[in-house]
Amino acid sequence: MQDILEAIMAAEESNDPDRELAGVAGLPVPESYRGVVVRAEESRMFDGMATRDKDPRKALHVQEVPTPELAPGEALIAVMASAINYNTVWTSIFEPVSTFRFLERYGRVSELTRRHDLPYHVVGSDAAGVVLRTGPGVTRWAAGDEVVAHCLSVELEDAAGHDDTMLDPQQRIWGFETNFGGLAELAVVKANQLMPKPRHLSWEEAASPGLVNSTAYRQLVSHHGANMKQGDVVLIWGASGGLGGYATQMALNGGAIPVCVVSSPEKAELCRRMGADLVIDRAAEGFRFWKDEQTQDQDEWRRFGERIRELTGGEDPDIVFEHPGRETFGASVYVARRGGTIVTCASTSGFQHQYDNRYLWMHLKRIVGSHFANYHEAWQANRLVALGKVHPTVSRTYPLEQTGQAAYEVHRNAHQGKVGVRCLAPADGLGVRDGELRARHEDAINRFRGH
């Protein structure tokens, strides 16, 4: 592994980094590598505990694991950096179910997928690194290519997946519903998960957009999501977070009008630094959408709607960008305009949603489910990053050994933007190949740093 890292680091000072990186093709693949895992034997460790009390630090371990054989159509990448997503938090606290159920189910698909059904699960759904090897049939990528990986894993042997790969019956999220994920020194991906690394970004910056940026693109921009257009009023929950930070940028880039909902003055300031003018600090303004565990407060829905109209000059949201779930969903349905769209991709505050259906059916609103993105959508989202139109939201990074702490901060919502993890990269700031483009966007790239 040290030889691989040295070969990659040689590109840092080289006038021809691509030539230096091509040298990894001649290096042997290690028999094992360090990865962040959860263990099947510990999957009941949090039974009986409230979600908020479950501690990812107790379940996430860094351990040596065997390097798997490559299957046709796959690639082995040396992971320089990765990032924390909510699916890693869910994996680490074994909610809503243990991910070992996913691995067992995937293992039954074929002899090749049986590799994934192991008593440990290498987690992580983001990665930036260098291709080391490719399996039979891979023609687009070669050893030495600098890449980022999106997290859609599909088999595409069913007709249903060929209109939209997200509808493939064997669609899975890599590193969550499959093994050999990105929070590790090496990772196994399908070749159609790979995309070019944005050359003006460091490893940790390039690794951070993958899952959330692609998710936001499909949810807001794609015709599979809300099909956002210029002038749309877009209500964005958690607008300075890992997902909302990209939704805010896409709304602004697309000529929409974001109304950013946050929970602190610091988060409100981050939204303004991204260029958003309309911001609601729900904590400062005291919005509480539930009277108790069983009863929502419709007076608060109305007050929230009135506040949105104050900011927009009397307009209701054309689109509500939903991901908190249970805590906010009733309010989201209520405040969307007549004929508007509530598009949801997650439920970080709870999966059981309640809303008053009168405000949906009588006002002709739509609820759209949106899950990650297909390869085309992920590629387009990554292209926006590569062009400097959308910027990373990395606030802090941790070394691989402290992944548990990184996941704990995300679980406790004690973070801004994205929390990065350095896997093989020994420090932040490495991997930048286009200094001129970076210089033009340095402030935007770093606006979340230190928060």
Protein backbone atom coordinates (compact mmCIF):
# COMPACT_ATOMS: atom_id res chain seq x y z
CA MET A 1 0.00 0.00 0.00
CA GLN A 2 2.89 2.34 0.74
CA ASP A 3 4.24 1.86 -2.80
CA ILE A 4 0.84 2.81 -4.22
CA LEU A 5 0.66 5.92 -2.06
CA GLU A 6 4.19 6.96 -3.01
CA ALA A 7 3.37 6.60 -6.70
CA ILE A 8 0.29 8.79 -6.30
CA MET A 9 2.15 11.35 -4.20
CA ALA A 10 4.88 11.59 -6.87
CA ALA A 11 2.28 13.27 -9.07
CA GLU A 12 2.05 16.18 -6.61
CA GLU A 13 5.41 17.65 -7.69
CA SER A 14 5.46 16.39 -11.27
CA ASN A 15 5.02 18.46 -14.41
CA ASP A 16 3.28 15.44 -15.92
CA PRO A 17 1.08 13.94 -13.17
CA ASP A 18 -0.80 11.70 -15.59
CA ARG A 19 2.45 9.97 -16.54
CA GLU A 20 3.40 9.48 -12.90
CA LEU A 21 -0.01 8.01 -12.08
CA ALA A 22 0.11 5.60 -15.00
CA GLY A 23 2.92 3.87 -13.10
CA VAL A 24 0.48 2.37 -10.61
CA ALA A 25 -0.44 -0.19 -13.28
CA GLY A 26 2.84 -1.99 -12.62
CA LEU A 27 2.47 -2.15 -8.86
CA PRO A 28 1.18 -5.29 -7.15
CA VAL A 29 -2.27 -5.16 -5.55
CA PRO A 30 -2.07 -5.60 -1.77
CA GLU A 31 -3.58 -8.79 -0.36
CA SER A 32 -5.42 -6.74 2.25
CA TYR A 33 -6.24 -3.15 3.12
CA ARG A 34 -7.68 -1.08 5.95
CA GLY A 35 -11.38 -0.34 5.83
CA VAL A 36 -14.07 1.09 8.10
CA VAL A 37 -16.44 -1.73 8.99
CA VAL A 38 -19.45 -2.67 11.02
CA ARG A 39 -19.54 -6.25 12.29
CA ALA A 40 -22.46 -8.64 12.07
CA GLU A 41 -21.79 -9.92 15.58
CA GLU A 42 -22.51 -6.42 16.93
CA SER A 43 -25.70 -5.70 14.99
CA ARG A 44 -27.87 -5.96 18.13
CA MET A 45 -25.64 -3.78 20.28
CA PHE A 46 -28.06 -0.83 20.35
CA ASP A 47 -31.29 -2.79 20.84
CA GLY A 48 -33.73 -0.93 23.07
CA MET A 49 -31.94 2.41 22.80
CA ALA A 50 -33.43 5.60 21.39
CA THR A 51 -32.00 6.61 18.02
CA ARG A 52 -30.39 9.76 19.40
CA ASP A 53 -28.51 7.74 22.04
CA LYS A 54 -26.91 5.29 19.61
CA ASP A 55 -23.23 6.08 19.14
CA PRO A 56 -21.59 5.40 15.74
CA ARG A 57 -18.18 5.48 17.41
CA LYS A 58 -18.95 2.18 19.14
CA ALA A 59 -19.94 0.37 15.94
CA LEU A 60 -17.48 1.66 13.33
CA HIS A 61 -14.10 -0.06 13.39
CA VAL A 62 -10.99 0.34 11.24
CA GLN A 63 -9.61 -3.12 10.47
CA GLU A 64 -7.59 -5.00 7.90
CA VAL A 65 -9.75 -6.85 5.36
CA PRO A 66 -8.87 -9.10 2.39
CA THR A 67 -8.78 -7.50 -1.05
CA PRO A 68 -11.60 -9.06 -3.13
CA GLU A 69 -11.17 -10.35 -6.66
CA LEU A 70 -12.47 -8.10 -9.42
CA ALA A 71 -15.50 -9.23 -11.41
CA PRO A 72 -16.14 -8.30 -15.05
CA GLY A 73 -17.06 -4.66 -15.41
CA GLU A 74 -15.51 -3.66 -12.08
CA ALA A 75 -12.58 -1.47 -11.05
CA LEU A 76 -10.33 -1.39 -8.01
CA ILE A 77 -9.49 2.12 -6.86
CA ALA A 78 -6.98 3.46 -4.37
CA VAL A 79 -9.13 5.76 -2.25
CA MET A 80 -7.48 9.03 -1.33
CA ALA A 81 -10.54 10.50 0.38
CA SER A 82 -14.17 9.77 1.17
CA ALA A 83 -16.98 11.48 3.09
CA ILE A 84 -19.72 10.86 5.62
CA ASN A 85 -23.33 10.52 4.50
CA TYR A 86 -26.45 9.76 6.52
CA ASN A 87 -26.48 6.24 5.13
CA THR A 88 -23.20 5.58 6.96
CA VAL A 89 -24.82 6.88 10.13
CA TRP A 90 -27.80 4.57 9.58
CA THR A 91 -25.45 1.65 8.93
CA SER A 92 -23.49 2.37 12.10
CA ILE A 93 -26.58 2.41 14.34
CA PHE A 94 -28.24 -0.48 12.47
CA GLU A 95 -31.34 1.52 11.52
CA PRO A 96 -33.89 1.08 10.10
CA VAL A 97 -32.51 -2.45 9.65
CA SER A 98 -29.07 -3.99 9.78
CA THR A 99 -27.29 -3.62 6.43
CA PHE A 100 -26.21 -7.25 6.74
CA ARG A 101 -29.70 -8.04 5.46
CA PHE A 102 -28.83 -6.13 2.29
CA LEU A 103 -25.55 -7.99 1.88
CA GLU A 104 -27.23 -11.36 2.39
CA ARG A 105 -29.87 -10.53 -0.23
CA TYR A 106 -27.26 -9.31 -2.70
CA GLY A 107 -25.19 -12.40 -2.10
CA ARG A 108 -28.00 -14.56 -3.42
CA VAL A 109 -28.03 -12.88 -6.85
CA SER A 110 -25.03 -14.72 -8.35
CA GLU A 111 -21.76 -16.43 -7.63
CA LEU A 112 -19.97 -13.11 -8.09
CA THR A 113 -22.20 -11.16 -5.72
CA ARG A 114 -21.71 -13.80 -3.03
CA ARG A 115 -18.40 -12.01 -2.30
CA HIS A 116 -20.41 -9.25 -0.63
CA ASP A 117 -22.12 -11.46 1.96
CA LEU A 118 -19.52 -11.30 4.72
CA PRO A 119 -19.55 -10.98 8.52
CA TYR A 120 -18.17 -7.45 8.12
CA HIS A 121 -19.38 -4.58 5.97
CA VAL A 122 -16.88 -2.06 4.54
CA VAL A 123 -19.00 1.09 4.42
CA GLY A 124 -18.93 4.42 2.60
CA SER A 125 -20.71 5.77 -0.49
CA ASP A 126 -18.28 8.48 -1.63
CA ALA A 127 -14.73 8.23 -2.94
CA ALA A 128 -12.05 10.09 -4.86
CA GLY A 129 -8.92 8.25 -5.90
CA VAL A 130 -6.91 6.52 -8.59
CA VAL A 131 -7.82 3.45 -10.64
CA LEU A 132 -5.45 0.56 -9.87
CA ARG A 133 -6.97 -2.29 -11.88
CA THR A 134 -9.95 -2.92 -14.11
CA GLY A 135 -11.84 -6.17 -14.62
CA PRO A 136 -12.65 -7.84 -17.94
CA GLY A 137 -14.78 -5.76 -20.27
CA VAL A 138 -13.81 -2.33 -18.92
CA THR A 139 -12.72 -0.03 -21.77
CA ARG A 140 -13.53 3.51 -20.59
CA TRP A 141 -11.10 3.55 -17.64
CA ALA A 142 -7.48 2.50 -17.09
CA ALA A 143 -4.96 2.28 -14.27
CA GLY A 144 -3.77 5.75 -13.29
CA ASP A 145 -7.03 7.57 -14.03
CA GLU A 146 -8.05 10.05 -11.34
CA VAL A 147 -11.70 9.45 -10.58
CA VAL A 148 -14.61 10.02 -8.28
CA ALA A 149 -17.24 7.36 -7.70
CA HIS A 150 -20.97 7.82 -7.51
CA CYS A 151 -22.87 5.28 -5.46
CA LEU A 152 -25.40 3.70 -7.85
CA SER A 153 -24.78 -0.04 -8.29
CA VAL A 154 -26.96 -1.75 -10.91
CA GLU A 155 -26.96 -5.09 -12.70
CA LEU A 156 -29.05 -3.93 -15.72
CA GLU A 157 -30.18 -7.41 -16.69
CA ASP A 158 -33.83 -6.42 -16.45
CA ALA A 159 -35.64 -4.29 -19.04
CA ALA A 160 -37.03 -2.00 -16.33
CA GLY A 161 -33.63 -0.44 -15.69
CA HIS A 162 -32.96 0.67 -19.24
CA ASP A 163 -35.28 3.67 -19.23
CA ASP A 164 -34.01 4.90 -15.87
CA THR A 165 -31.34 2.85 -14.12
CA MET A 166 -32.76 3.87 -10.74
CA LEU A 167 -35.71 1.62 -11.60
CA ASP A 168 -33.54 -1.46 -12.10
CA PRO A 169 -34.84 -4.22 -9.79
CA GLN A 170 -31.23 -4.85 -8.75
CA GLN A 171 -30.48 -1.19 -8.02
CA ARG A 172 -28.44 -0.73 -4.85
CA ILE A 173 -26.47 1.98 -3.10
CA TRP A 174 -22.78 1.10 -3.07
CA GLY A 175 -21.23 0.98 0.39
CA PHE A 176 -24.68 0.80 2.00
CA GLU A 177 -26.44 -2.07 0.26
CA THR A 178 -23.21 -3.53 -1.12
CA ASN A 179 -19.82 -4.25 0.43
CA PHE A 180 -16.32 -2.86 -0.30
CA GLY A 181 -17.34 0.80 0.08
CA GLY A 182 -15.37 4.02 -0.04
CA LEU A 183 -14.35 4.56 3.60
CA ALA A 184 -11.23 2.49 3.08
CA GLU A 185 -7.81 2.45 1.45
CA LEU A 186 -9.16 0.45 -1.50
CA ALA A 187 -12.65 0.13 -2.93
CA VAL A 188 -14.39 -2.03 -5.52
CA VAL A 189 -16.81 -0.27 -7.84
CA LYS A 190 -18.57 -0.98 -11.10
CA ALA A 191 -16.94 0.88 -13.98
CA ASN A 192 -20.17 2.74 -14.63
CA GLN A 193 -19.87 4.32 -11.21
CA LEU A 194 -16.73 6.20 -12.21
CA MET A 195 -16.49 9.83 -13.30
CA PRO A 196 -13.53 12.14 -13.90
CA LYS A 197 -12.18 13.83 -10.77
CA PRO A 198 -12.59 17.64 -10.99
CA ARG A 199 -9.01 18.75 -11.58
CA HIS A 200 -9.17 21.97 -9.56
CA LEU A 201 -10.21 20.23 -6.35
CA SER A 202 -8.25 18.44 -3.66
CA TRP A 203 -8.98 14.80 -2.93
CA GLU A 204 -11.24 15.50 0.04
CA GLU A 205 -13.10 18.22 -1.84
CA ALA A 206 -13.62 16.01 -4.89
CA ALA A 207 -14.86 13.12 -2.75
CA SER A 208 -17.50 15.10 -0.92
CA PRO A 209 -20.13 16.03 -3.57
CA GLY A 210 -20.80 12.57 -5.08
CA LEU A 211 -23.82 11.26 -3.21
CA VAL A 212 -25.45 14.50 -2.09
CA ASN A 213 -24.77 16.55 -5.22
CA SER A 214 -26.16 13.83 -7.50
CA THR A 215 -29.15 13.36 -5.19
CA ALA A 216 -29.91 17.09 -5.22
CA TYR A 217 -29.56 17.21 -9.02
CA ARG A 218 -32.13 14.47 -9.60
CA GLN A 219 -34.43 15.76 -6.89
CA LEU A 220 -34.53 19.35 -8.14
CA VAL A 221 -33.32 19.57 -11.74
CA SER A 222 -34.08 16.26 -13.44
CA HIS A 223 -37.41 15.48 -15.08
CA HIS A 224 -37.46 12.48 -12.75
CA GLY A 225 -37.66 14.91 -9.84
CA ALA A 226 -39.18 18.38 -9.52
CA ASN A 227 -38.03 19.60 -12.99
CA MET A 228 -37.12 23.00 -11.54
CA LYS A 229 -37.37 26.01 -13.83
CA GLN A 230 -36.30 29.63 -13.69
CA GLY A 231 -38.29 31.70 -11.21
CA ASP A 232 -39.49 28.76 -9.12
CA VAL A 233 -39.69 29.41 -5.40
CA VAL A 234 -37.88 26.47 -3.76
CA LEU A 235 -38.17 25.83 -0.04
CA ILE A 236 -35.01 24.01 1.08
CA TRP A 237 -34.88 22.34 4.47
CA GLY A 238 -31.43 22.11 6.05
CA ALA A 239 -30.11 24.46 3.40
CA SER A 240 -26.56 24.63 4.76
CA GLY A 241 -26.22 20.87 5.28
CA GLY A 242 -24.63 18.17 3.20
CA LEU A 243 -27.64 17.83 0.89
CA GLY A 244 -29.21 21.25 1.24
CA GLY A 245 -25.96 23.06 0.48
CA TYR A 246 -26.00 21.60 -3.03
CA ALA A 247 -29.73 22.17 -3.46
CA THR A 248 -29.21 25.83 -2.60
CA GLN A 249 -26.44 26.17 -5.18
CA MET A 250 -28.49 24.44 -7.88
CA ALA A 251 -31.52 26.61 -7.20
CA LEU A 252 -29.38 29.73 -7.53
CA ASN A 253 -27.60 28.46 -10.66
CA GLY A 254 -30.90 27.53 -12.28
CA GLY A 255 -32.53 30.92 -11.79
CA ALA A 256 -34.83 29.74 -9.01
CA ILE A 257 -35.51 31.54 -5.74
CA PRO A 258 -34.37 29.47 -2.75
CA VAL A 259 -35.99 29.95 0.64
CA CYS A 260 -33.42 28.44 2.97
CA VAL A 261 -34.50 26.89 6.27
CA VAL A 262 -31.74 26.48 8.85
CA SER A 263 -31.40 26.12 12.62
CA SER A 264 -28.76 28.66 13.69
CA PRO A 265 -27.39 32.10 12.81
CA GLU A 266 -24.13 30.50 11.63
CA LYS A 267 -26.00 28.27 9.18
CA ALA A 268 -28.03 31.26 8.00
CA GLU A 269 -24.80 33.14 7.28
CA LEU A 270 -23.49 30.20 5.22
CA CYS A 271 -26.60 30.35 3.06
CA ARG A 272 -26.11 34.06 2.49
CA ARG A 273 -22.48 33.43 1.56
CA MET A 274 -23.74 31.03 -1.11
CA GLY A 275 -25.86 33.88 -2.49
CA ALA A 276 -29.26 33.13 -0.95
CA ASP A 277 -31.21 36.16 0.29
CA LEU A 278 -34.29 34.50 1.81
CA VAL A 279 -33.42 32.61 5.00
CA ILE A 280 -35.51 31.34 7.89
CA ASP A 281 -33.75 30.43 11.14
CA ARG A 282 -36.39 28.05 12.46
CA ALA A 283 -34.77 27.83 15.89
CA ALA A 284 -34.54 31.59 16.38
CA GLU A 285 -38.12 32.04 15.20
CA GLY A 286 -39.36 29.21 17.40
CA PHE A 287 -41.05 26.99 14.82
CA ARG A 288 -42.27 23.76 16.44
CA PHE A 289 -44.45 21.66 14.16
CA TRP A 290 -45.46 19.04 16.75
CA LYS A 291 -47.38 19.71 19.97
CA ASP A 292 -46.37 16.29 21.24
CA GLU A 293 -45.27 12.92 19.82
CA GLN A 294 -48.72 12.25 18.33
CA THR A 295 -50.09 15.70 17.43
CA GLN A 296 -48.93 18.17 14.80
CA ASP A 297 -49.57 21.89 15.25
CA GLN A 298 -51.39 23.26 12.23
CA ASP A 299 -51.19 26.79 13.62
CA GLU A 300 -47.42 26.48 13.25
CA TRP A 301 -47.88 25.31 9.65
CA ARG A 302 -49.85 28.49 8.99
CA ARG A 303 -47.33 30.72 10.75
CA PHE A 304 -44.54 29.11 8.74
CA GLY A 305 -46.45 29.65 5.49
CA GLU A 306 -47.02 33.30 6.38
CA ARG A 307 -43.32 33.73 7.06
CA ILE A 308 -42.45 32.31 3.65
CA ARG A 309 -44.90 34.72 2.00
CA GLU A 310 -43.33 37.64 3.86
CA LEU A 311 -39.98 36.77 2.32
CA THR A 312 -41.22 36.04 -1.20
CA GLY A 313 -43.67 38.90 -1.58
CA GLY A 314 -46.72 36.72 -1.17
CA GLU A 315 -45.70 33.61 -3.09
CA ASP A 316 -45.87 30.01 -1.88
CA PRO A 317 -43.16 27.48 -2.78
CA ASP A 318 -43.43 25.86 -6.19
CA ILE A 319 -41.12 23.11 -4.89
CA VAL A 320 -40.41 21.87 -1.39
CA PHE A 321 -37.04 20.12 -1.12
CA GLU A 322 -37.78 17.54 1.59
CA HIS A 323 -35.41 15.26 3.46
CA PRO A 324 -35.96 15.68 7.24
CA GLY A 325 -39.13 13.55 6.99
CA ARG A 326 -41.39 13.07 9.98
CA GLU A 327 -40.61 16.33 11.75
CA THR A 328 -41.31 18.62 8.78
CA PHE A 329 -43.39 16.71 6.25
CA GLY A 330 -46.81 17.91 7.38
CA ALA A 331 -45.65 21.51 7.15
CA SER A 332 -44.08 20.85 3.73
CA VAL A 333 -47.33 19.57 2.26
CA TYR A 334 -49.23 22.50 3.74
CA VAL A 335 -46.98 25.33 2.52
CA ALA A 336 -46.47 24.14 -1.08
CA ARG A 337 -48.49 26.20 -3.54
CA ARG A 338 -51.55 24.88 -5.34
CA GLY A 339 -50.25 22.46 -7.94
CA GLY A 340 -46.83 22.49 -6.30
CA THR A 341 -44.42 19.62 -5.73
CA ILE A 342 -43.03 18.13 -2.55
CA VAL A 343 -40.00 16.06 -3.56
CA THR A 344 -38.52 13.82 -0.88
CA CYS A 345 -35.34 11.77 -0.80
CA ALA A 346 -34.84 10.87 2.86
CA SER A 347 -36.25 10.89 6.37
CA THR A 348 -33.47 11.83 8.74
CA SER A 349 -35.91 12.71 11.56
CA GLY A 350 -38.11 9.63 11.09
CA PHE A 351 -39.54 7.46 8.30
CA GLN A 352 -43.22 7.56 9.30
CA HIS A 353 -44.65 10.73 7.74
CA GLN A 354 -48.00 12.33 8.60
CA TYR A 355 -49.76 15.09 6.69
CA ASP A 356 -53.27 16.42 6.17
CA ASN A 357 -54.33 14.95 2.81
CA ARG A 358 -56.92 17.70 2.24
CA TYR A 359 -54.10 20.11 1.44
CA LEU A 360 -52.67 17.64 -1.04
CA TRP A 361 -55.69 16.40 -2.92
CA MET A 362 -57.87 19.52 -2.91
CA HIS A 363 -54.97 21.75 -3.95
CA LEU A 364 -53.67 19.33 -6.59
CA LYS A 365 -50.18 19.01 -5.10
CA ARG A 366 -47.77 16.17 -5.87
CA ILE A 367 -45.44 14.16 -3.67
CA VAL A 368 -42.49 12.80 -5.65
CA GLY A 369 -40.12 10.19 -4.29
CA SER A 370 -36.52 10.67 -5.39
CA HIS A 371 -33.65 8.31 -4.63
CA PHE A 372 -30.03 9.13 -5.52
CA ALA A 373 -29.52 9.50 -9.32
CA ASN A 374 -28.86 7.52 -12.47
CA TYR A 375 -25.45 7.59 -14.16
CA HIS A 376 -26.41 10.39 -16.55
CA GLU A 377 -27.71 12.58 -13.71
CA ALA A 378 -24.65 11.87 -11.57
CA TRP A 379 -22.37 12.68 -14.51
CA GLN A 380 -24.15 15.99 -15.15
CA ALA A 381 -23.97 16.90 -11.46
CA ASN A 382 -20.25 16.10 -11.42
CA ARG A 383 -19.77 18.17 -14.60
CA LEU A 384 -21.17 21.22 -12.79
CA VAL A 385 -18.55 20.73 -10.10
CA ALA A 386 -15.76 20.25 -12.67
CA LEU A 387 -16.80 23.48 -14.42
CA GLY A 388 -16.74 25.45 -11.19
CA LYS A 389 -20.49 26.07 -11.26
CA VAL A 390 -21.18 24.11 -8.06
CA HIS A 391 -18.65 23.99 -5.24
CA PRO A 392 -17.79 21.56 -2.45
CA THR A 393 -19.20 22.16 1.00
CA VAL A 394 -16.48 20.49 3.07
CA SER A 395 -16.35 22.00 6.54
CA ARG A 396 -13.96 19.59 8.23
CA THR A 397 -11.99 16.42 7.58
CA TYR A 398 -10.86 13.50 9.71
CA PRO A 399 -8.29 10.77 9.17
CA LEU A 400 -9.62 7.27 8.46
CA GLU A 401 -8.95 6.23 12.06
CA GLN A 402 -11.46 8.83 13.32
CA THR A 403 -14.34 7.96 10.99
CA GLY A 404 -16.47 7.04 13.99
CA GLN A 405 -16.14 10.56 15.38
CA ALA A 406 -16.97 12.04 11.99
CA ALA A 407 -20.13 9.93 11.77
CA TYR A 408 -21.04 10.85 15.35
CA GLU A 409 -20.96 14.55 14.48
CA VAL A 410 -23.24 14.01 11.49
CA HIS A 411 -25.59 11.89 13.63
CA ARG A 412 -25.77 14.68 16.22
CA ASN A 413 -26.17 17.36 13.50
CA ALA A 414 -23.06 19.05 14.90
CA HIS A 415 -21.68 19.71 11.43
CA GLN A 416 -22.08 22.02 8.47
CA GLY A 417 -21.99 20.96 4.83
CA LYS A 418 -20.01 17.75 4.34
CA VAL A 419 -17.56 16.06 6.68
CA GLY A 420 -14.67 14.53 4.74
CA VAL A 421 -12.45 11.56 5.57
CA ARG A 422 -8.84 11.22 4.41
CA CYS A 423 -8.23 7.58 3.50
CA LEU A 424 -4.80 7.33 1.84
CA ALA A 425 -4.28 11.08 1.57
CA PRO A 426 -1.87 12.12 4.34
CA ALA A 427 -3.12 15.71 4.47
CA ASP A 428 -5.74 18.07 3.12
CA GLY A 429 -5.11 20.07 -0.03
CA LEU A 430 -3.47 17.38 -2.17
CA GLY A 431 -4.51 16.36 -5.69
CA VAL A 432 -5.09 19.80 -7.22
CA ARG A 433 -4.15 19.69 -10.93
CA ASP A 434 -5.70 22.92 -12.27
CA GLY A 435 -4.52 25.79 -10.10
CA GLU A 436 -5.82 28.47 -12.46
CA LEU A 437 -9.44 27.32 -12.26
CA ARG A 438 -9.11 26.84 -8.53
CA ALA A 439 -7.82 30.37 -8.04
CA ARG A 440 -10.96 31.77 -9.67
CA HIS A 441 -13.18 29.95 -7.17
CA GLU A 442 -11.01 29.69 -4.05
CA ASP A 443 -13.36 31.64 -1.79
CA ALA A 444 -16.41 29.62 -2.83
CA ILE A 445 -14.54 26.32 -2.45
CA ASN A 446 -13.52 27.22 1.11
CA ARG A 447 -16.63 28.99 2.37
CA PHE A 448 -17.69 26.05 4.58
CA ARG A 449 -14.19 25.40 5.97
CA GLY A 450 -13.91 25.67 9.73
CA HIS A 451 -17.65 25.77 10.37
